C-alpha atoms as a PDB file:
ATOM      1  CA  MET A   1      -7.468 -27.046  20.566  1.00  0.00           C
ATOM      2  CA  SER A   2      -9.754 -25.489  23.196  1.00  0.00           C
ATOM      3  CA  ALA A   3     -13.435 -26.337  23.559  1.00  0.00           C
ATOM      4  CA  MET A   4     -14.330 -22.840  22.282  1.00  0.00           C
ATOM      5  CA  GLN A   5     -12.535 -23.596  18.991  1.00  0.00           C
ATOM      6  CA  GLN A   6     -14.448 -26.860  18.477  1.00  0.00           C
ATOM      7  CA  VAL A   7     -18.015 -25.508  18.778  1.00  0.00           C
ATOM      8  CA  ASP A   8     -20.023 -22.734  17.208  1.00  0.00           C
ATOM      9  CA  ARG A   9     -19.529 -19.450  18.994  1.00  0.00           C
ATOM     10  CA  GLU A  10     -21.876 -16.498  19.025  1.00  0.00           C
ATOM     11  CA  ARG A  11     -21.585 -12.910  20.137  1.00  0.00           C
ATOM     12  CA  ARG A  12     -23.071 -12.326  23.584  1.00  0.00           C
ATOM     13  CA  ASP A  13     -22.710  -9.685  26.257  1.00  0.00           C
ATOM     14  CA  CYS A  14     -20.576 -10.778  29.185  1.00  0.00           C
ATOM     15  CA  PHE A  15     -22.669 -11.783  32.204  1.00  0.00           C
ATOM     16  CA  VAL A  16     -20.203  -9.978  34.484  1.00  0.00           C
ATOM     17  CA  CYS A  17     -19.447  -6.621  32.795  1.00  0.00           C
ATOM     18  CA  GLN A  18     -21.767  -6.546  29.740  1.00  0.00           C
ATOM     19  CA  ALA A  19     -18.855  -6.063  27.316  1.00  0.00           C
ATOM     20  CA  GLU A  20     -19.241  -7.875  23.996  1.00  0.00           C
ATOM     21  CA  GLY A  21     -17.759 -11.348  24.118  1.00  0.00           C
ATOM     22  CA  LEU A  22     -18.235 -14.798  22.647  1.00  0.00           C
ATOM     23  CA  SER A  23     -20.183 -17.718  24.032  1.00  0.00           C
ATOM     24  CA  ALA A  24     -20.468 -21.391  23.178  1.00  0.00           C
ATOM     25  CA  ALA A  25     -23.057 -23.882  24.397  1.00  0.00           C
ATOM     26  CA  LEU A  26     -21.259 -26.788  26.055  1.00  0.00           C
ATOM     27  CA  GLY A  27     -23.714 -29.336  27.396  1.00  0.00           C
ATOM     28  CA  ASN A  28     -25.808 -27.826  30.173  1.00  0.00           C
ATOM     29  CA  HIS A  29     -23.841 -24.575  30.417  1.00  0.00           C
ATOM     30  CA  LEU A  30     -22.341 -21.775  28.353  1.00  0.00           C
ATOM     31  CA  GLN A  31     -18.691 -20.925  28.144  1.00  0.00           C
ATOM     32  CA  MET A  32     -18.071 -17.186  27.949  1.00  0.00           C
ATOM     33  CA  GLU A  33     -14.980 -15.548  26.535  1.00  0.00           C
ATOM     34  CA  CYS A  34     -14.857 -11.867  27.529  1.00  0.00           C
ATOM     35  CA  PRO A  35     -11.929  -9.659  26.492  1.00  0.00           C
ATOM     36  CA  LEU A  36     -12.103  -7.855  29.865  1.00  0.00           C
ATOM     37  CA  CYS A  37     -13.092 -10.607  32.336  1.00  0.00           C
ATOM     38  CA  GLY A  38     -11.560 -13.716  30.782  1.00  0.00           C
ATOM     39  CA  VAL A  39     -12.990 -17.176  30.173  1.00  0.00           C
ATOM     40  CA  TYR A  40     -15.601 -18.682  32.488  1.00  0.00           C
ATOM     41  CA  ARG A  41     -18.544 -21.070  32.371  1.00  0.00           C
ATOM     42  CA  VAL A  42     -22.139 -20.244  33.380  1.00  0.00           C
ATOM     43  CA  SER A  43     -24.809 -22.734  34.462  1.00  0.00           C
ATOM     44  CA  GLN A  44     -28.366 -22.572  33.134  1.00  0.00           C
ATOM     45  CA  GLY A  45     -29.599 -21.592  36.615  1.00  0.00           C
ATOM     46  CA  ALA A  46     -27.197 -18.657  36.776  1.00  0.00           C
ATOM     47  CA  ILE A  47     -28.202 -17.602  33.257  1.00  0.00           C
ATOM     48  CA  ARG A  48     -31.824 -17.398  34.451  1.00  0.00           C
ATOM     49  CA  LEU A  49     -30.713 -15.125  37.313  1.00  0.00           C
ATOM     50  CA  PHE A  50     -28.944 -12.830  34.841  1.00  0.00           C
ATOM     51  CA  GLU A  51     -32.000 -12.803  32.580  1.00  0.00           C
ATOM     52  CA  ASP A  52     -34.019 -11.703  35.640  1.00  0.00           C
ATOM     53  CA  GLY A  53     -31.661  -8.740  36.155  1.00  0.00           C
ATOM     54  CA  LEU A  54     -28.933  -9.975  38.515  1.00  0.00           C
ATOM     55  CA  LEU A  55     -25.889  -7.682  38.338  1.00  0.00           C
ATOM     56  CA  MET A  56     -22.425  -8.831  39.350  1.00  0.00           C
ATOM     57  CA  ASP A  57     -19.779  -7.099  41.440  1.00  0.00           C
ATOM     58  CA  ILE A  58     -17.403  -6.713  38.490  1.00  0.00           C
ATOM     59  CA  ASP A  59     -14.063  -6.354  40.312  1.00  0.00           C
ATOM     60  CA  PHE A  60     -14.787  -9.154  42.793  1.00  0.00           C
ATOM     61  CA  THR A  61     -15.928 -11.502  40.027  1.00  0.00           C
ATOM     62  CA  ARG A  62     -12.973 -10.693  37.765  1.00  0.00           C
ATOM     63  CA  ARG A  63     -10.581 -11.545  40.605  1.00  0.00           C
ATOM     64  CA  TRP A  64     -12.419 -14.847  41.099  1.00  0.00           C
ATOM     65  CA  ILE A  65     -12.134 -15.666  37.373  1.00  0.00           C
ATOM     66  CA  ALA A  66      -8.441 -14.675  37.329  1.00  0.00           C
ATOM     67  CA  SER A  67      -7.754 -16.981  40.285  1.00  0.00           C
ATOM     68  CA  TYR A  68      -8.428 -19.917  37.937  1.00  0.00           C
ATOM     69  CA  GLN A  69      -5.768 -18.932  35.381  1.00  0.00           C
ATOM     70  CA  GLY A  70      -3.665 -21.964  34.578  1.00  0.00           C
ATOM     71  CA  SER A  71      -6.390 -24.389  35.672  1.00  0.00           C
ATOM     72  CA  PRO A  72      -7.405 -27.102  33.210  1.00  0.00           C
ATOM     73  CA  LYS A  73     -11.005 -25.806  33.129  1.00  0.00           C
ATOM     74  CA  PRO A  74     -12.403 -22.287  33.432  1.00  0.00           C
ATOM     75  CA  PRO A  75     -14.400 -21.548  36.587  1.00  0.00           C
ATOM     76  CA  MET A  76     -18.098 -22.489  36.676  1.00  0.00           C
ATOM     77  CA  MET A  77     -20.478 -19.755  37.730  1.00  0.00           C
ATOM     78  CA  ALA A  78     -23.287 -21.812  39.212  1.00  0.00           C
ATOM     79  CA  THR A  79     -26.328 -20.188  40.822  1.00  0.00           C
ATOM     80  CA  SER A  80     -24.748 -20.260  44.302  1.00  0.00           C
ATOM     81  CA  VAL A  81     -21.539 -18.677  43.013  1.00  0.00           C
ATOM     82  CA  ALA A  82     -23.432 -15.934  41.160  1.00  0.00           C
ATOM     83  CA  LEU A  83     -25.476 -15.089  44.242  1.00  0.00           C
ATOM     84  CA  ARG A  84     -22.282 -14.574  46.278  1.00  0.00           C
ATOM     85  CA  ARG A  85     -21.014 -12.011  43.757  1.00  0.00           C
ATOM     86  CA  VAL A  86     -24.052  -9.742  43.488  1.00  0.00           C
ATOM     87  CA  ARG A  87     -23.376  -6.041  42.985  1.00  0.00           C
ATOM     88  CA  LYS A  88     -24.251  -3.980  46.029  1.00  0.00           C
ATOM     89  CA  ARG A  89     -26.858  -1.374  45.197  1.00  0.00           C
END
């Protein structure tokens, strides 16, 4: 059973593409499950950046998430990771 099945999930827009997904609070981070981007974790610091309007380079970030397929844990989008995937304006 995955961690997402063991905790309460709520609807939330994906931090990467803004599609509707599911999130679960897991300790000091959220785990996101997006039907378009996949499963990834987001730190509280990165969440604050998104709340302040940070936009992600969608294709670049999706490739990064996909590179973790088959790993025991989904990738963690910490503040430093999020800042390296900012959408060019």
